[in-house]
């Protein structure tokens, strides 16, 4: 449900209550979802959850003026990609060796079978 804010300054409390000039304007609905619940995108920045999948969030606080940090470490991500690339190259070399040995056996050893 959209929240309409007044033109005056708005403050937010740790429990998600929005107030302006001492009066409560609205309260954020702080929810959590079970692992594996698929959220569907609705536009550029809105997500919709399946009906009944939202549960009241426990032990959460809202901080006014704070920016959320990313949960992705780009350095670790780069290291993981390099590791994956090296693993793929190793498998490619192993398959090439297997293929050449198999081809040698097929062309040299099989004709000798009586």
PDB file of N, CA and C in Angstrom:
ATOM      1  N   UNK A   1       0.851  -1.161   0.000  1.00  0.00           N
ATOM      2  CA  UNK A   1       0.000   0.000   0.000  1.00  0.00           C
ATOM      3  C   UNK A   1       0.909   1.241   0.000  1.00  0.00           C
ATOM      4  N   UNK A   2       0.718   2.166  -0.905  1.00  0.00           N
ATOM      5  CA  UNK A   2       1.553   3.375  -0.972  1.00  0.00           C
ATOM      6  C   UNK A   2       1.380   4.251   0.263  1.00  0.00           C
ATOM      7  N   UNK A   3       2.466   4.905   0.642  1.00  0.00           N
ATOM      8  CA  UNK A   3       2.457   5.843   1.770  1.00  0.00           C
ATOM      9  C   UNK A   3       2.571   7.247   1.204  1.00  0.00           C
ATOM     10  N   UNK A   4       1.670   8.129   1.606  1.00  0.00           N
ATOM     11  CA  UNK A   4       1.722   9.526   1.180  1.00  0.00           C
ATOM     12  C   UNK A   4       2.337  10.339   2.313  1.00  0.00           C
ATOM     13  N   UNK A   5       3.421  11.027   2.002  1.00  0.00           N
ATOM     14  CA  UNK A   5       4.126  11.817   3.014  1.00  0.00           C
ATOM     15  C   UNK A   5       3.773  13.293   2.887  1.00  0.00           C
ATOM     16  N   UNK A   6       3.713  13.995   4.007  1.00  0.00           N
ATOM     17  CA  UNK A   6       3.440  15.428   3.960  1.00  0.00           C
ATOM     18  C   UNK A   6       4.667  16.192   3.474  1.00  0.00           C
ATOM     19  N   UNK A   7       4.499  17.463   3.191  1.00  0.00           N
ATOM     20  CA  UNK A   7       5.598  18.300   2.724  1.00  0.00           C
ATOM     21  C   UNK A   7       6.582  18.636   3.834  1.00  0.00           C
ATOM     22  N   UNK A   8       6.166  18.524   5.085  1.00  0.00           N
ATOM     23  CA  UNK A   8       7.046  18.829   6.213  1.00  0.00           C
ATOM     24  C   UNK A   8       8.083  17.723   6.385  1.00  0.00           C
ATOM     25  N   UNK A   9       9.054  17.979   7.255  1.00  0.00           N
ATOM     26  CA  UNK A   9      10.094  16.999   7.553  1.00  0.00           C
ATOM     27  C   UNK A   9       9.468  15.752   8.173  1.00  0.00           C
ATOM     28  N   UNK A  10       9.972  14.609   7.771  1.00  0.00           N
ATOM     29  CA  UNK A  10       9.467  13.328   8.259  1.00  0.00           C
ATOM     30  C   UNK A  10      10.602  12.628   8.982  1.00  0.00           C
ATOM     31  N   UNK A  11      10.284  12.030  10.121  1.00  0.00           N
ATOM     32  CA  UNK A  11      11.279  11.233  10.843  1.00  0.00           C
ATOM     33  C   UNK A  11      10.773   9.800  10.939  1.00  0.00           C
ATOM     34  N   UNK A  12      11.709   8.900  11.116  1.00  0.00           N
ATOM     35  CA  UNK A  12      11.349   7.483  11.202  1.00  0.00           C
ATOM     36  C   UNK A  12      11.965   6.893  12.459  1.00  0.00           C
ATOM     37  N   UNK A  13      11.190   6.131  13.189  1.00  0.00           N
ATOM     38  CA  UNK A  13      11.671   5.510  14.425  1.00  0.00           C
ATOM     39  C   UNK A  13      12.203   4.111  14.113  1.00  0.00           C
ATOM     40  N   UNK A  14      12.956   3.516  15.036  1.00  0.00           N
ATOM     41  CA  UNK A  14      13.527   2.182  14.782  1.00  0.00           C
ATOM     42  C   UNK A  14      12.491   1.099  14.479  1.00  0.00           C
ATOM     43  N   UNK A  15      11.241   1.267  14.922  1.00  0.00           N
ATOM     44  CA  UNK A  15      10.225   0.250  14.622  1.00  0.00           C
ATOM     45  C   UNK A  15       9.517   0.497  13.291  1.00  0.00           C
ATOM     46  N   UNK A  16       9.922   1.533  12.538  1.00  0.00           N
ATOM     47  CA  UNK A  16       9.365   1.807  11.223  1.00  0.00           C
ATOM     48  C   UNK A  16       8.209   2.785  11.217  1.00  0.00           C
ATOM     49  N   UNK A  17       7.972   3.478  12.323  1.00  0.00           N
ATOM     50  CA  UNK A  17       6.893   4.464  12.379  1.00  0.00           C
ATOM     51  C   UNK A  17       7.360   5.777  11.772  1.00  0.00           C
ATOM     52  N   UNK A  18       6.603   6.294  10.809  1.00  0.00           N
ATOM     53  CA  UNK A  18       6.900   7.569  10.167  1.00  0.00           C
ATOM     54  C   UNK A  18       6.066   8.646  10.840  1.00  0.00           C
ATOM     55  N   UNK A  19       6.727   9.729  11.233  1.00  0.00           N
ATOM     56  CA  UNK A  19       5.986  10.815  11.876  1.00  0.00           C
ATOM     57  C   UNK A  19       6.452  12.156  11.333  1.00  0.00           C
ATOM     58  N   UNK A  20       5.550  13.116  11.412  1.00  0.00           N
ATOM     59  CA  UNK A  20       5.836  14.472  10.969  1.00  0.00           C
ATOM     60  C   UNK A  20       5.228  15.428  11.984  1.00  0.00           C
ATOM     61  N   UNK A  21       6.032  16.311  12.508  1.00  0.00           N
ATOM     62  CA  UNK A  21       5.618  17.303  13.505  1.00  0.00           C
ATOM     63  C   UNK A  21       4.919  16.628  14.699  1.00  0.00           C
ATOM     64  N   UNK A  22       5.458  15.493  15.119  1.00  0.00           N
ATOM     65  CA  UNK A  22       4.924  14.779  16.273  1.00  0.00           C
ATOM     66  C   UNK A  22       3.731  13.900  15.995  1.00  0.00           C
ATOM     67  N   UNK A  23       3.168  13.929  14.816  1.00  0.00           N
ATOM     68  CA  UNK A  23       1.999  13.110  14.485  1.00  0.00           C
ATOM     69  C   UNK A  23       2.425  11.912  13.642  1.00  0.00           C
ATOM     70  N   UNK A  24       1.875  10.746  13.920  1.00  0.00           N
ATOM     71  CA  UNK A  24       2.174   9.537  13.160  1.00  0.00           C
ATOM     72  C   UNK A  24       1.533   9.646  11.775  1.00  0.00           C
ATOM     73  N   UNK A  25       2.347   9.452  10.751  1.00  0.00           N
ATOM     74  CA  UNK A  25       1.873   9.523   9.370  1.00  0.00           C
ATOM     75  C   UNK A  25       1.555   8.124   8.849  1.00  0.00           C
ATOM     76  N   UNK A  26       2.440   7.198   9.114  1.00  0.00           N
ATOM     77  CA  UNK A  26       2.267   5.818   8.628  1.00  0.00           C
ATOM     78  C   UNK A  26       3.256   4.927   9.365  1.00  0.00           C
ATOM     79  N   UNK A  27       3.151   3.645   9.131  1.00  0.00           N
ATOM     80  CA  UNK A  27       4.106   2.695   9.699  1.00  0.00           C
ATOM     81  C   UNK A  27       4.508   1.715   8.606  1.00  0.00           C
ATOM     82  N   UNK A  28       5.827   1.500   8.493  1.00  0.00           N
ATOM     83  CA  UNK A  28       6.330   0.553   7.507  1.00  0.00           C
ATOM     84  C   UNK A  28       5.963  -0.860   7.942  1.00  0.00           C
ATOM     85  N   UNK A  29       5.626  -1.686   6.982  1.00  0.00           N
ATOM     86  CA  UNK A  29       5.322  -3.087   7.245  1.00  0.00           C
ATOM     87  C   UNK A  29       6.624  -3.869   7.070  1.00  0.00           C
ATOM     88  N   UNK A  30       7.296  -4.178   8.169  1.00  0.00           N
ATOM     89  CA  UNK A  30       8.572  -4.887   8.130  1.00  0.00           C
ATOM     90  C   UNK A  30       8.294  -6.380   8.143  1.00  0.00           C
ATOM     91  N   UNK A  31       8.648  -7.051   7.042  1.00  0.00           N
ATOM     92  CA  UNK A  31       8.339  -8.473   6.899  1.00  0.00           C
ATOM     93  C   UNK A  31       9.580  -9.262   6.505  1.00  0.00           C
ATOM     94  N   UNK A  32       9.469 -10.559   6.636  1.00  0.00           N
ATOM     95  CA  UNK A  32      10.529 -11.487   6.259  1.00  0.00           C
ATOM     96  C   UNK A  32       9.891 -12.604   5.451  1.00  0.00           C
ATOM     97  N   UNK A  33      10.684 -13.282   4.645  1.00  0.00           N
ATOM     98  CA  UNK A  33      10.189 -14.376   3.820  1.00  0.00           C
ATOM     99  C   UNK A  33      11.024 -15.618   4.086  1.00  0.00           C
ATOM    100  N   UNK A  34      10.395 -16.756   4.015  1.00  0.00           N
ATOM    101  CA  UNK A  34      11.114 -18.021   4.178  1.00  0.00           C
ATOM    102  C   UNK A  34      12.096 -18.195   3.029  1.00  0.00           C
ATOM    103  N   UNK A  35      13.161 -18.951   3.293  1.00  0.00           N
ATOM    104  CA  UNK A  35      14.172 -19.218   2.273  1.00  0.00           C
ATOM    105  C   UNK A  35      13.517 -19.896   1.071  1.00  0.00           C
ATOM    106  N   UNK A  36      13.802 -19.402  -0.109  1.00  0.00           N
ATOM    107  CA  UNK A  36      13.292 -20.002  -1.329  1.00  0.00           C
ATOM    108  C   UNK A  36      12.033 -19.364  -1.886  1.00  0.00           C
ATOM    109  N   UNK A  37      11.431 -18.426  -1.159  1.00  0.00           N
ATOM    110  CA  UNK A  37      10.237 -17.751  -1.673  1.00  0.00           C
ATOM    111  C   UNK A  37      10.657 -16.872  -2.849  1.00  0.00           C
ATOM    112  N   UNK A  38       9.992 -17.035  -3.980  1.00  0.00           N
ATOM    113  CA  UNK A  38      10.327 -16.272  -5.179  1.00  0.00           C
ATOM    114  C   UNK A  38       9.520 -14.982  -5.233  1.00  0.00           C
ATOM    115  N   UNK A  39      10.226 -13.853  -5.246  1.00  0.00           N
ATOM    116  CA  UNK A  39       9.591 -12.550  -5.400  1.00  0.00           C
ATOM    117  C   UNK A  39       9.577 -12.218  -6.889  1.00  0.00           C
ATOM    118  N   UNK A  40       8.476 -11.675  -7.368  1.00  0.00           N
ATOM    119  CA  UNK A  40       8.390 -11.292  -8.774  1.00  0.00           C
ATOM    120  C   UNK A  40       8.513  -9.775  -8.890  1.00  0.00           C
ATOM    121  N   UNK A  41       9.223  -9.325  -9.913  1.00  0.00           N
ATOM    122  CA  UNK A  41       9.426  -7.892 -10.091  1.00  0.00           C
ATOM    123  C   UNK A  41       8.173  -7.252 -10.663  1.00  0.00           C
ATOM    124  N   UNK A  42       7.881  -6.087 -10.138  1.00  0.00           N
ATOM    125  CA  UNK A  42       6.755  -5.278 -10.607  1.00  0.00           C
ATOM    126  C   UNK A  42       7.316  -3.885 -10.882  1.00  0.00           C
ATOM    127  N   UNK A  43       7.830  -3.663 -12.070  1.00  0.00           N
ATOM    128  CA  UNK A  43       8.473  -2.382 -12.380  1.00  0.00           C
ATOM    129  C   UNK A  43       9.956  -2.441 -12.064  1.00  0.00           C
ATOM    130  N   UNK A  44      10.545  -1.271 -11.820  1.00  0.00           N
ATOM    131  CA  UNK A  44      11.993  -1.198 -11.613  1.00  0.00           C
ATOM    132  C   UNK A  44      12.435  -1.430 -10.172  1.00  0.00           C
ATOM    133  N   UNK A  45      11.595  -1.103  -9.196  1.00  0.00           N
ATOM    134  CA  UNK A  45      12.054  -1.197  -7.814  1.00  0.00           C
ATOM    135  C   UNK A  45      11.012  -1.773  -6.860  1.00  0.00           C
ATOM    136  N   UNK A  46      10.010  -2.435  -7.385  1.00  0.00           N
ATOM    137  CA  UNK A  46       8.960  -2.996  -6.549  1.00  0.00           C
ATOM    138  C   UNK A  46       8.904  -4.500  -6.773  1.00  0.00           C
ATOM    139  N   UNK A  47       8.812  -5.237  -5.679  1.00  0.00           N
ATOM    140  CA  UNK A  47       8.735  -6.685  -5.760  1.00  0.00           C
ATOM    141  C   UNK A  47       7.454  -7.157  -5.094  1.00  0.00           C
ATOM    142  N   UNK A  48       6.891  -8.219  -5.633  1.00  0.00           N
ATOM    143  CA  UNK A  48       5.660  -8.763  -5.072  1.00  0.00           C
ATOM    144  C   UNK A  48       5.911 -10.210  -4.668  1.00  0.00           C
ATOM    145  N   UNK A  49       5.432 -10.540  -3.449  1.00  0.00           N
ATOM    146  CA  UNK A  49       5.579 -11.890  -2.927  1.00  0.00           C
ATOM    147  C   UNK A  49       4.287 -12.659  -3.109  1.00  0.00           C
ATOM    148  N   UNK A  50       4.377 -13.973  -3.137  1.00  0.00           N
ATOM    149  CA  UNK A  50       3.154 -14.778  -3.205  1.00  0.00           C
ATOM    150  C   UNK A  50       2.266 -14.507  -1.985  1.00  0.00           C
ATOM    151  N   UNK A  51       0.973 -14.611  -2.183  1.00  0.00           N
ATOM    152  CA  UNK A  51       0.005 -14.350  -1.124  1.00  0.00           C
ATOM    153  C   UNK A  51       0.287 -15.238   0.091  1.00  0.00           C
ATOM    154  N   UNK A  52       0.358 -14.631   1.258  1.00  0.00           N
ATOM    155  CA  UNK A  52       0.542 -15.371   2.503  1.00  0.00           C
ATOM    156  C   UNK A  52       1.969 -15.763   2.822  1.00  0.00           C
ATOM    157  N   UNK A  53       2.945 -15.340   2.018  1.00  0.00           N
ATOM    158  CA  UNK A  53       4.335 -15.744   2.267  1.00  0.00           C
ATOM    159  C   UNK A  53       5.070 -14.795   3.209  1.00  0.00           C
ATOM    160  N   UNK A  54       4.534 -13.602   3.435  1.00  0.00           N
ATOM    161  CA  UNK A  54       5.185 -12.622   4.312  1.00  0.00           C
ATOM    162  C   UNK A  54       4.909 -12.957   5.779  1.00  0.00           C
ATOM    163  N   UNK A  55       5.965 -12.874   6.574  1.00  0.00           N
ATOM    164  CA  UNK A  55       5.858 -13.081   8.015  1.00  0.00           C
ATOM    165  C   UNK A  55       6.422 -11.848   8.696  1.00  0.00           C
ATOM    166  N   UNK A  56       5.887 -11.494   9.853  1.00  0.00           N
ATOM    167  CA  UNK A  56       6.399 -10.335  10.591  1.00  0.00           C
ATOM    168  C   UNK A  56       7.874 -10.553  10.899  1.00  0.00           C
ATOM    169  N   UNK A  57       8.690  -9.558  10.589  1.00  0.00           N
ATOM    170  CA  UNK A  57      10.128  -9.660  10.830  1.00  0.00           C
ATOM    171  C   UNK A  57      10.416  -9.503  12.312  1.00  0.00           C
ATOM    172  N   UNK A  58      11.326 -10.305  12.795  1.00  0.00           N
ATOM    173  CA  UNK A  58      11.707 -10.252  14.211  1.00  0.00           C
ATOM    174  C   UNK A  58      13.111  -9.674  14.333  1.00  0.00           C
ATOM    175  N   UNK A  59      13.335  -8.926  15.391  1.00  0.00           N
ATOM    176  CA  UNK A  59      14.662  -8.368  15.695  1.00  0.00           C
ATOM    177  C   UNK A  59      15.227  -7.517  14.560  1.00  0.00           C
ATOM    178  N   UNK A  60      14.410  -6.633  14.009  1.00  0.00           N
ATOM    179  CA  UNK A  60      14.879  -5.721  12.971  1.00  0.00           C
ATOM    180  C   UNK A  60      14.663  -4.285  13.427  1.00  0.00           C
ATOM    181  N   UNK A  61      15.509  -3.409  12.949  1.00  0.00           N
ATOM    182  CA  UNK A  61      15.361  -1.985  13.238  1.00  0.00           C
ATOM    183  C   UNK A  61      15.593  -1.199  11.962  1.00  0.00           C
ATOM    184  N   UNK A  62      15.002  -0.032  11.906  1.00  0.00           N
ATOM    185  CA  UNK A  62      15.160   0.877  10.784  1.00  0.00           C
ATOM    186  C   UNK A  62      16.012   2.041  11.265  1.00  0.00           C
ATOM    187  N   UNK A  63      16.952   2.458  10.455  1.00  0.00           N
ATOM    188  CA  UNK A  63      17.820   3.580  10.815  1.00  0.00           C
ATOM    189  C   UNK A  63      17.598   4.717   9.834  1.00  0.00           C
ATOM    190  N   UNK A  64      17.179   5.842  10.365  1.00  0.00           N
ATOM    191  CA  UNK A  64      16.942   7.005   9.513  1.00  0.00           C
ATOM    192  C   UNK A  64      18.272   7.547   9.012  1.00  0.00           C
ATOM    193  N   UNK A  65      18.340   7.826   7.717  1.00  0.00           N
ATOM    194  CA  UNK A  65      19.524   8.430   7.116  1.00  0.00           C
ATOM    195  C   UNK A  65      20.637   7.453   6.791  1.00  0.00           C
ATOM    196  N   UNK A  66      20.464   6.188   7.093  1.00  0.00           N
ATOM    197  CA  UNK A  66      21.513   5.199   6.826  1.00  0.00           C
ATOM    198  C   UNK A  66      21.329   4.607   5.434  1.00  0.00           C
ATOM    199  N   UNK A  67      22.430   4.277   4.803  1.00  0.00           N
ATOM    200  CA  UNK A  67      22.402   3.609   3.505  1.00  0.00           C
ATOM    201  C   UNK A  67      22.726   2.141   3.719  1.00  0.00           C
ATOM    202  N   UNK A  68      22.004   1.292   3.032  1.00  0.00           N
ATOM    203  CA  UNK A  68      22.242  -0.138   3.156  1.00  0.00           C
ATOM    204  C   UNK A  68      23.492  -0.510   2.375  1.00  0.00           C
ATOM    205  N   UNK A  69      24.336  -1.296   2.991  1.00  0.00           N
ATOM    206  CA  UNK A  69      25.544  -1.751   2.322  1.00  0.00           C
ATOM    207  C   UNK A  69      25.226  -2.973   1.478  1.00  0.00           C
ATOM    208  N   UNK A  70      26.033  -3.184   0.485  1.00  0.00           N
ATOM    209  CA  UNK A  70      25.850  -4.334  -0.380  1.00  0.00           C
ATOM    210  C   UNK A  70      26.252  -5.606   0.360  1.00  0.00           C
ATOM    211  N   UNK A  71      25.572  -6.705   0.074  1.00  0.00           N
ATOM    212  CA  UNK A  71      25.952  -7.984   0.661  1.00  0.00           C
ATOM    213  C   UNK A  71      26.834  -8.777  -0.301  1.00  0.00           C
ATOM    214  N   UNK A  72      27.381  -8.110  -1.311  1.00  0.00           N
ATOM    215  CA  UNK A  72      28.233  -8.745  -2.303  1.00  0.00           C
ATOM    216  C   UNK A  72      29.628  -8.146  -2.220  1.00  0.00           C
ATOM    217  N   UNK A  73      30.638  -8.983  -2.125  1.00  0.00           N
ATOM    218  CA  UNK A  73      32.015  -8.538  -2.079  1.00  0.00           C
ATOM    219  C   UNK A  73      32.602  -8.705  -3.487  1.00  0.00           C
ATOM    220  N   UNK A  74      32.848  -7.603  -4.201  1.00  0.00           N
ATOM    221  CA  UNK A  74      33.324  -7.728  -5.585  1.00  0.00           C
ATOM    222  C   UNK A  74      34.699  -8.383  -5.688  1.00  0.00           C
ATOM    223  N   UNK A  75      35.559  -8.202  -4.699  1.00  0.00           N
ATOM    224  CA  UNK A  75      36.882  -8.837  -4.751  1.00  0.00           C
ATOM    225  C   UNK A  75      36.734 -10.349  -4.652  1.00  0.00           C
ATOM    226  N   UNK A  76      35.917 -10.818  -3.701  1.00  0.00           N
ATOM    227  CA  UNK A  76      35.697 -12.264  -3.565  1.00  0.00           C
ATOM    228  C   UNK A  76      34.998 -12.813  -4.799  1.00  0.00           C
ATOM    229  N   UNK A  77      34.085 -12.052  -5.376  1.00  0.00           N
ATOM    230  CA  UNK A  77      33.412 -12.485  -6.591  1.00  0.00           C
ATOM    231  C   UNK A  77      34.384 -12.662  -7.750  1.00  0.00           C
ATOM    232  N   UNK A  78      35.340 -11.739  -7.873  1.00  0.00           N
ATOM    233  CA  UNK A  78      36.351 -11.839  -8.926  1.00  0.00           C
ATOM    234  C   UNK A  78      37.237 -13.063  -8.710  1.00  0.00           C
ATOM    235  N   UNK A  79      37.638 -13.278  -7.462  1.00  0.00           N
ATOM    236  CA  UNK A  79      38.460 -14.451  -7.139  1.00  0.00           C
ATOM    237  C   UNK A  79      37.690 -15.730  -7.466  1.00  0.00           C
ATOM    238  N   UNK A  80      36.415 -15.771  -7.127  1.00  0.00           N
ATOM    239  CA  UNK A  80      35.594 -16.951  -7.419  1.00  0.00           C
ATOM    240  C   UNK A  80      35.487 -17.198  -8.916  1.00  0.00           C
ATOM    241  N   UNK A  81      35.343 -16.118  -9.713  1.00  0.00           N
ATOM    242  CA  UNK A  81      35.272 -16.281 -11.166  1.00  0.00           C
ATOM    243  C   UNK A  81      36.587 -16.798 -11.745  1.00  0.00           C
ATOM    244  N   UNK A  82      37.710 -16.294 -11.239  1.00  0.00           N
ATOM    245  CA  UNK A  82      39.021 -16.770 -11.710  1.00  0.00           C
ATOM    246  C   UNK A  82      39.202 -18.242 -11.362  1.00  0.00           C
ATOM    247  N   UNK A  83      38.814 -18.626 -10.150  1.00  0.00           N
ATOM    248  CA  UNK A  83      38.908 -20.025  -9.731  1.00  0.00           C
ATOM    249  C   UNK A  83      38.052 -20.912 -10.624  1.00  0.00           C
ATOM    250  N   UNK A  84      36.847 -20.478 -10.918  1.00  0.00           N
ATOM    251  CA  UNK A  84      35.957 -21.243 -11.786  1.00  0.00           C
ATOM    252  C   UNK A  84      36.535 -21.365 -13.195  1.00  0.00           C
ATOM    253  N   UNK A  85      37.122 -20.278 -13.695  1.00  0.00           N
ATOM    254  CA  UNK A  85      37.716 -20.311 -15.027  1.00  0.00           C
ATOM    255  C   UNK A  85      38.890 -21.292 -15.073  1.00  0.00           C
ATOM    256  N   UNK A  86      39.717 -21.288 -14.044  1.00  0.00           N
ATOM    257  CA  UNK A  86      40.862 -22.215 -14.006  1.00  0.00           C
ATOM    258  C   UNK A  86      40.390 -23.660 -13.907  1.00  0.00           C
ATOM    259  N   UNK A  87      39.335 -23.888 -13.148  1.00  0.00           N
ATOM    260  CA  UNK A  87      38.784 -25.233 -13.035  1.00  0.00           C
ATOM    261  C   UNK A  87      38.262 -25.705 -14.396  1.00  0.00           C
ATOM    262  N   UNK A  88      37.575 -24.826 -15.109  1.00  0.00           N
ATOM    263  CA  UNK A  88      37.068 -25.178 -16.441  1.00  0.00           C
ATOM    264  C   UNK A  88      38.213 -25.479 -17.399  1.00  0.00           C
ATOM    265  N   UNK A  89      39.297 -24.710 -17.327  1.00  0.00           N
ATOM    266  CA  UNK A  89      40.457 -24.960 -18.185  1.00  0.00           C
ATOM    267  C   UNK A  89      41.096 -26.304 -17.857  1.00  0.00           C
ATOM    268  N   UNK A  90      41.176 -26.643 -16.567  1.00  0.00           N
ATOM    269  CA  UNK A  90      41.739 -27.922 -16.155  1.00  0.00           C
ATOM    270  C   UNK A  90      40.894 -29.078 -16.689  1.00  0.00           C
ATOM    271  N   UNK A  91      39.579 -28.946 -16.598  1.00  0.00           N
ATOM    272  CA  UNK A  91      38.700 -29.989 -17.132  1.00  0.00           C
ATOM    273  C   UNK A  91      38.825 -30.100 -18.646  1.00  0.00           C
ATOM    274  N   UNK A  92      38.983 -28.962 -19.309  1.00  0.00           N
ATOM    275  CA  UNK A  92      39.149 -28.976 -20.761  1.00  0.00           C
ATOM    276  C   UNK A  92      40.418 -29.730 -21.146  1.00  0.00           C
ATOM    277  N   UNK A  93      41.515 -29.479 -20.414  1.00  0.00           N
ATOM    278  CA  UNK A  93      42.774 -30.186 -20.694  1.00  0.00           C
ATOM    279  C   UNK A  93      42.635 -31.682 -20.418  1.00  0.00           C
ATOM    280  N   UNK A  94      41.950 -32.032 -19.330  1.00  0.00           N
ATOM    281  CA  UNK A  94      41.761 -33.443 -19.004  1.00  0.00           C
ATOM    282  C   UNK A  94      40.947 -34.144 -20.089  1.00  0.00           C
ATOM    283  N   UNK A  95      39.915 -33.489 -20.586  1.00  0.00           N
ATOM    284  CA  UNK A  95      39.115 -34.080 -21.660  1.00  0.00           C
ATOM    285  C   UNK A  95      39.924 -34.209 -22.948  1.00  0.00           C
ATOM    286  N   UNK A  96      40.782 -33.242 -23.217  1.00  0.00           N
ATOM    287  CA  UNK A  96      41.614 -33.317 -24.421  1.00  0.00           C
ATOM    288  C   UNK A  96      42.585 -34.496 -24.330  1.00  0.00           C
ATOM    289  N   UNK A  97      43.193 -34.696 -23.160  1.00  0.00           N
ATOM    290  CA  UNK A  97      44.103 -35.826 -22.973  1.00  0.00           C
ATOM    291  C   UNK A  97      43.338 -37.140 -23.114  1.00  0.00           C
ATOM    292  N   UNK A  98      42.179 -37.226 -22.480  1.00  0.00           N
ATOM    293  CA  UNK A  98      41.362 -38.436 -22.588  1.00  0.00           C
ATOM    294  C   UNK A  98      40.982 -38.703 -24.036  1.00  0.00           C
ATOM    295  N   UNK A  99      40.586 -37.651 -24.743  1.00  0.00           N
ATOM    296  CA  UNK A  99      40.180 -37.804 -26.137  1.00  0.00           C
ATOM    297  C   UNK A  99      41.343 -38.291 -26.987  1.00  0.00           C
ATOM    298  N   UNK A 100      42.529 -37.730 -26.782  1.00  0.00           N
ATOM    299  CA  UNK A 100      43.673 -38.149 -27.598  1.00  0.00           C
ATOM    300  C   UNK A 100      44.082 -39.584 -27.258  1.00  0.00           C
ATOM    301  N   UNK A 101      44.042 -39.969 -25.975  1.00  0.00           N
ATOM    302  CA  UNK A 101      44.369 -41.355 -25.602  1.00  0.00           C
ATOM    303  C   UNK A 101      43.325 -42.320 -26.150  1.00  0.00           C
ATOM    304  N   UNK A 102      42.048 -41.930 -26.087  1.00  0.00           N
ATOM    305  CA  UNK A 102      40.986 -42.778 -26.595  1.00  0.00           C
ATOM    306  C   UNK A 102      41.096 -42.921 -28.108  1.00  0.00           C
ATOM    307  N   UNK A 103      41.411 -41.821 -28.772  1.00  0.00           N
ATOM    308  CA  UNK A 103      41.554 -41.862 -30.229  1.00  0.00           C
ATOM    309  C   UNK A 103      42.735 -42.739 -30.610  1.00  0.00           C
ATOM    310  N   UNK A 104      43.843 -42.673 -29.849  1.00  0.00           N
ATOM    311  CA  UNK A 104      45.028 -43.505 -30.127  1.00  0.00           C
ATOM    312  C   UNK A 104      44.671 -44.980 -29.959  1.00  0.00           C
ATOM    313  N   UNK A 105      43.942 -45.277 -28.883  1.00  0.00           N
ATOM    314  CA  UNK A 105      43.551 -46.668 -28.657  1.00  0.00           C
ATOM    315  C   UNK A 105      42.635 -47.158 -29.761  1.00  0.00           C
ATOM    316  N   UNK A 106      41.753 -46.336 -30.228  1.00  0.00           N
ATOM    317  CA  UNK A 106      40.815 -46.730 -31.275  1.00  0.00           C
ATOM    318  C   UNK A 106      41.513 -46.934 -32.616  1.00  0.00           C
ATOM    319  N   UNK A 107      42.545 -46.156 -32.894  1.00  0.00           N
ATOM    320  CA  UNK A 107      43.215 -46.259 -34.200  1.00  0.00           C
ATOM    321  C   UNK A 107      44.363 -47.253 -34.191  1.00  0.00           C
ATOM    322  N   UNK A 108      45.012 -47.517 -33.042  1.00  0.00           N
ATOM    323  CA  UNK A 108      46.170 -48.387 -33.011  1.00  0.00           C
ATOM    324  C   UNK A 108      45.872 -49.764 -32.415  1.00  0.00           C
ATOM    325  N   UNK A 109      45.117 -49.796 -31.307  1.00  0.00           N
ATOM    326  CA  UNK A 109      44.933 -51.045 -30.585  1.00  0.00           C
ATOM    327  C   UNK A 109      43.747 -51.869 -31.100  1.00  0.00           C
ATOM    328  N   UNK A 110      42.672 -51.238 -31.483  1.00  0.00           N
ATOM    329  CA  UNK A 110      41.487 -51.973 -31.917  1.00  0.00           C
ATOM    330  C   UNK A 110      41.715 -52.790 -33.210  1.00  0.00           C
ATOM    331  N   UNK A 111      42.475 -52.274 -34.189  1.00  0.00           N
ATOM    332  CA  UNK A 111      42.677 -53.087 -35.395  1.00  0.00           C
ATOM    333  C   UNK A 111      43.440 -54.394 -35.107  1.00  0.00           C
ATOM    334  N   UNK A 112      44.177 -54.478 -33.994  1.00  0.00           N
ATOM    335  CA  UNK A 112      44.960 -55.656 -33.669  1.00  0.00           C
ATOM    336  C   UNK A 112      44.136 -56.738 -32.973  1.00  0.00           C
ATOM    337  N   UNK A 113      42.948 -56.417 -32.585  1.00  0.00           N
ATOM    338  CA  UNK A 113      42.109 -57.377 -31.890  1.00  0.00           C
ATOM    339  C   UNK A 113      41.698 -58.492 -32.866  1.00  0.00           C
ATOM    340  N   UNK A 114      41.864 -59.738 -32.452  1.00  0.00           N
ATOM    341  CA  UNK A 114      41.542 -60.851 -33.354  1.00  0.00           C
ATOM    342  C   UNK A 114      40.200 -61.421 -33.049  1.00  0.00           C
TER     343      UNK A 114
END
